[in-house]
């Protein structure tokens, strides 16, 4: 069963496959959505908390005040002195100290 999320953008209202979203970066009142199929990132006028409420909690983890990450694309979680996650693409995303405790419980 494919899960989708409906997002209004400059092209109207579109449905996006949730499993195709790698991460969402919050930037004030906007968010940038990064996709696995190498399409250009999409910037939308929504706050990160909206995505956190509307995406499956078992699939998307809030790593930091600016990032929501799809757990399917996390390669490694490092919970040492500077906690971070390594995505399959090789990107490093920091994990806040407070959220690192949650990640330790999962890992």
Protein backbone atom coordinates (compact mmCIF):
# COMPACT_ATOMS: atom_id res chain seq x y z
CA UNK A 1 0.00 0.00 0.00
CA UNK A 2 1.56 3.26 -1.14
CA UNK A 3 1.22 6.16 1.28
CA UNK A 4 0.94 9.65 -0.14
CA UNK A 5 0.88 13.16 1.21
CA UNK A 6 -1.05 15.98 -0.44
CA UNK A 7 0.91 19.25 -0.68
CA UNK A 8 -0.10 22.57 -2.18
CA UNK A 9 2.72 24.19 -4.15
CA UNK A 10 3.18 26.66 -7.01
CA UNK A 11 1.79 24.09 -9.48
CA UNK A 12 -1.40 23.52 -7.49
CA UNK A 13 -2.20 20.55 -5.29
CA UNK A 14 -0.10 17.42 -5.82
CA UNK A 15 0.23 14.01 -4.20
CA UNK A 16 3.71 12.76 -3.32
CA UNK A 17 4.78 9.23 -2.47
CA UNK A 18 5.95 9.30 1.16
CA UNK A 19 8.60 6.61 0.59
CA UNK A 20 10.22 8.84 -2.08
CA UNK A 21 10.94 11.60 0.47
CA UNK A 22 14.46 11.36 1.93
CA UNK A 23 14.36 14.34 4.26
CA UNK A 24 12.66 17.65 4.89
CA UNK A 25 14.62 20.71 5.93
CA UNK A 26 12.79 23.45 7.81
CA UNK A 27 13.64 27.05 6.97
CA UNK A 28 11.49 29.44 9.01
CA UNK A 29 7.98 29.32 7.44
CA UNK A 30 9.14 27.19 4.50
CA UNK A 31 10.38 23.66 4.05
CA UNK A 32 12.56 22.08 1.40
CA UNK A 33 11.68 18.48 0.51
CA UNK A 34 14.46 16.25 -0.85
CA UNK A 35 13.42 13.27 -2.99
CA UNK A 36 15.04 9.89 -3.65
CA UNK A 37 14.29 9.91 -7.39
CA UNK A 38 16.75 12.80 -7.95
CA UNK A 39 14.09 15.35 -8.85
CA UNK A 40 14.80 18.90 -7.79
CA UNK A 41 14.08 19.70 -4.15
CA UNK A 42 10.65 21.22 -3.63
CA UNK A 43 10.22 24.33 -1.48
CA UNK A 44 6.77 24.73 0.08
CA UNK A 45 5.18 27.29 2.39
CA UNK A 46 4.65 24.94 5.33
CA UNK A 47 6.41 24.66 8.67
CA UNK A 48 8.32 21.51 9.63
CA UNK A 49 5.86 20.75 12.41
CA UNK A 50 3.07 20.36 9.83
CA UNK A 51 5.04 17.59 8.12
CA UNK A 52 5.80 15.96 11.45
CA UNK A 53 2.06 15.83 12.18
CA UNK A 54 1.07 14.58 8.70
CA UNK A 55 3.74 12.01 7.91
CA UNK A 56 3.89 8.53 9.49
CA UNK A 57 5.72 8.86 12.84
CA UNK A 58 7.18 5.34 12.55
CA UNK A 59 8.84 6.35 9.27
CA UNK A 60 9.97 9.96 9.83
CA UNK A 61 12.20 11.02 12.70
CA UNK A 62 12.90 14.54 13.87
CA UNK A 63 16.68 14.67 14.25
CA UNK A 64 17.04 18.37 14.90
CA UNK A 65 14.89 21.49 14.99
CA UNK A 66 15.55 21.86 11.26
CA UNK A 67 15.31 18.28 9.95
CA UNK A 68 12.82 15.47 9.56
CA UNK A 69 14.42 12.31 8.11
CA UNK A 70 12.91 9.22 6.52
CA UNK A 71 14.31 6.25 8.48
CA UNK A 72 14.43 4.16 5.28
CA UNK A 73 17.33 6.32 4.05
CA UNK A 74 19.43 6.31 7.24
CA UNK A 75 22.56 4.24 6.80
CA UNK A 76 24.16 4.77 10.23
CA UNK A 77 23.35 6.51 13.51
CA UNK A 78 26.31 7.83 15.49
CA UNK A 79 25.44 8.72 19.08
CA UNK A 80 28.93 9.64 20.30
CA UNK A 81 30.23 13.10 21.25
CA UNK A 82 28.72 14.79 18.16
CA UNK A 83 25.57 12.79 17.39
CA UNK A 84 24.63 12.56 13.73
CA UNK A 85 23.04 10.32 11.13
CA UNK A 86 24.63 9.28 7.86
CA UNK A 87 22.18 8.98 4.98
CA UNK A 88 22.57 6.47 2.15
CA UNK A 89 23.60 9.38 -0.08
CA UNK A 90 26.56 10.05 2.25
CA UNK A 91 25.08 13.24 3.71
CA UNK A 92 25.70 13.89 7.41
CA UNK A 93 22.89 15.43 9.45
CA UNK A 94 23.41 16.49 13.03
CA UNK A 95 21.20 15.15 15.78
CA UNK A 96 20.42 17.38 18.75
CA UNK A 97 21.72 16.21 22.12
CA UNK A 98 18.17 15.89 23.43
CA UNK A 99 17.06 13.76 20.48
CA UNK A 100 20.24 11.66 20.58
CA UNK A 101 18.87 9.94 23.69
CA UNK A 102 15.83 8.81 21.67
CA UNK A 103 18.11 7.52 18.93
CA UNK A 104 20.21 5.55 21.45
CA UNK A 105 17.04 3.80 22.59
CA UNK A 106 16.22 2.84 18.99
CA UNK A 107 19.75 1.78 17.97
